[in-house]
Amino acid sequence: MFGQGLIKGLEITIKKFFNKKVTQKYPEVKPLLPARSRGSFDFNAGKCIACNLCANVCPNRVIKLEFHSNEQRKRVLDNYRMNLGYCMFCGLCIEACPTDALNSKPDFELAVFAKEAVVFSWDGNTRRNEMD
């Protein structure tokens, strides 16, 4: 029958029109994010073994590690740097980390005025912005 696709489309539209509204009044009301949502990153320098796997797997080369070797020939992390301006938030770095030192957190409000403000580095467990 001619126009059957149009009728089916209108039927779906009318059903959705009478459903419950899902609009949220952001930023007054913070959205309820799913448990697996990806936002900013949380880094635990105490767990990091400076294996460089996260930096190697990153497609945009967002992560830079600085480390040195100690007397036992183990790597010791000096600085961990992420430039979130180029990050795709794909999560490959989190999956590659063997010690769970890098995790995702639901902080999604990352908009800034200067592009230097999205470069973060961790000295120990202290996160600092490169502009500071």
Protein backbone atom coordinates (compact mmCIF):
# COMPACT_ATOMS: atom_id res chain seq x y z
CA MET A 1 0.00 0.00 0.00
CA PHE A 2 1.25 3.45 -0.93
CA GLY A 3 2.17 5.64 2.11
CA GLN A 4 2.48 2.75 4.58
CA GLY A 5 5.95 3.97 5.67
CA LEU A 6 4.55 7.44 6.33
CA ILE A 7 1.73 6.04 8.45
CA LYS A 8 4.16 3.87 10.44
CA GLY A 9 6.44 6.88 11.05
CA LEU A 10 3.56 9.05 12.21
CA GLU A 11 2.37 6.27 14.52
CA ILE A 12 5.79 6.15 16.22
CA THR A 13 5.89 9.94 16.49
CA ILE A 14 2.45 10.13 18.10
CA LYS A 15 3.35 7.40 20.63
CA LYS A 16 6.53 9.27 21.62
CA PHE A 17 4.60 12.54 21.90
CA PHE A 18 2.43 11.19 24.71
CA ASN A 19 5.25 9.44 26.61
CA LYS A 20 6.84 10.91 29.75
CA LYS A 21 9.17 13.83 29.02
CA VAL A 22 12.87 13.21 29.70
CA THR A 23 14.24 16.75 29.44
CA GLN A 24 16.51 17.74 32.31
CA LYS A 25 17.06 21.35 33.40
CA TYR A 26 20.83 21.38 33.12
CA PRO A 27 22.91 23.06 34.72
CA GLU A 28 20.48 23.68 37.60
CA VAL A 29 19.84 19.95 37.92
CA LYS A 30 22.83 17.67 37.43
CA PRO A 31 22.05 14.70 35.17
CA LEU A 32 21.97 11.16 36.50
CA LEU A 33 24.74 9.47 34.57
CA PRO A 34 24.91 5.73 33.97
CA ALA A 35 27.50 3.78 35.96
CA ARG A 36 29.69 3.17 32.90
CA SER A 37 29.73 6.77 31.64
CA ARG A 38 33.12 8.17 30.70
CA GLY A 39 34.24 11.54 31.88
CA SER A 40 37.52 12.85 33.18
CA PHE A 41 40.32 10.66 34.49
CA ASP A 42 41.40 9.77 37.99
CA PHE A 43 45.02 8.71 38.43
CA ASN A 44 46.60 6.98 41.41
CA ALA A 45 50.37 7.47 41.25
CA GLY A 46 50.94 5.02 44.09
CA LYS A 47 49.67 2.16 41.92
CA CYS A 48 51.50 3.23 38.75
CA ILE A 49 54.52 1.10 37.83
CA ALA A 50 55.52 3.39 34.91
CA CYS A 51 55.12 0.58 32.37
CA ASN A 52 54.12 3.10 29.67
CA LEU A 53 51.33 0.81 28.35
CA CYS A 54 48.69 3.55 28.64
CA ALA A 55 50.82 5.98 26.63
CA ASN A 56 51.60 3.36 23.97
CA VAL A 57 47.96 2.33 23.44
CA CYS A 58 46.61 5.89 23.22
CA PRO A 59 45.70 6.64 19.57
CA ASN A 60 46.17 10.40 19.94
CA ARG A 61 49.32 10.28 22.09
CA VAL A 62 47.61 12.21 24.89
CA ILE A 63 49.63 10.64 27.74
CA LYS A 64 53.28 11.40 28.50
CA LEU A 65 55.22 9.69 31.30
CA GLU A 66 58.47 10.76 32.91
CA PHE A 67 60.25 8.18 35.02
CA HIS A 68 63.65 7.07 36.24
CA SER A 69 65.13 3.74 37.32
CA ASN A 70 66.02 3.18 40.95
CA GLU A 71 68.78 1.00 42.48
CA GLN A 72 66.72 -2.19 41.99
CA ARG A 73 66.32 -1.29 38.29
CA LYS A 74 62.60 -0.65 38.76
CA ARG A 75 60.90 2.29 37.13
CA VAL A 76 59.79 5.09 39.41
CA LEU A 77 57.24 7.60 38.13
CA ASP A 78 58.30 11.25 38.20
CA ASN A 79 55.46 12.91 36.28
CA TYR A 80 52.28 11.74 34.54
CA ARG A 81 50.82 14.21 32.03
CA MET A 82 47.54 14.12 30.06
CA ASN A 83 46.41 16.63 27.45
CA LEU A 84 42.63 16.13 27.48
CA GLY A 85 42.20 18.61 24.63
CA TYR A 86 43.13 15.85 22.20
CA CYS A 87 41.58 12.94 24.11
CA MET A 88 38.78 10.92 22.46
CA PHE A 89 37.75 9.41 25.84
CA CYS A 90 37.88 5.96 24.26
CA GLY A 91 39.06 4.30 27.47
CA LEU A 92 41.85 2.25 25.88
CA CYS A 93 44.35 3.62 28.41
CA ILE A 94 42.16 2.44 31.30
CA GLU A 95 41.88 -1.04 29.78
CA ALA A 96 45.64 -1.27 29.19
CA CYS A 97 46.65 -0.36 32.74
CA PRO A 98 47.67 -3.59 34.54
CA THR A 99 47.49 -2.07 38.05
CA ASP A 100 44.26 -0.03 37.75
CA ALA A 101 46.16 3.20 38.41
CA LEU A 102 44.06 5.01 35.79
CA ASN A 103 40.27 5.14 36.11
CA SER A 104 37.38 7.09 34.68
CA LYS A 105 35.26 9.37 36.81
CA PRO A 106 31.88 10.90 35.94
CA ASP A 107 33.18 14.49 35.81
CA PHE A 108 32.07 15.56 32.33
CA GLU A 109 32.19 19.36 32.60
CA LEU A 110 35.58 19.94 31.00
CA ALA A 111 34.89 23.09 28.97
CA VAL A 112 37.52 25.82 29.42
CA PHE A 113 38.44 29.11 27.78
CA ALA A 114 42.13 28.40 27.18
CA LYS A 115 43.31 25.16 25.62
CA GLU A 116 46.24 25.01 28.04
CA ALA A 117 43.72 24.52 30.87
CA VAL A 118 42.95 20.94 29.80
CA VAL A 119 46.52 19.76 30.30
CA PHE A 120 46.82 17.97 33.64
CA SER A 121 49.80 16.40 35.33
CA TRP A 122 50.18 14.37 38.47
CA ASP A 123 53.17 14.67 40.76
CA GLY A 124 52.55 11.95 43.30
CA ASN A 125 48.80 11.87 43.97
CA THR A 126 48.36 15.62 43.43
CA ARG A 127 46.53 16.59 40.26
CA ARG A 128 47.45 19.99 38.97
CA ASN A 129 46.59 22.04 35.95
CA GLU A 130 49.49 23.06 33.69
CA MET A 131 48.28 26.68 33.74
CA ASP A 132 48.80 26.93 37.53
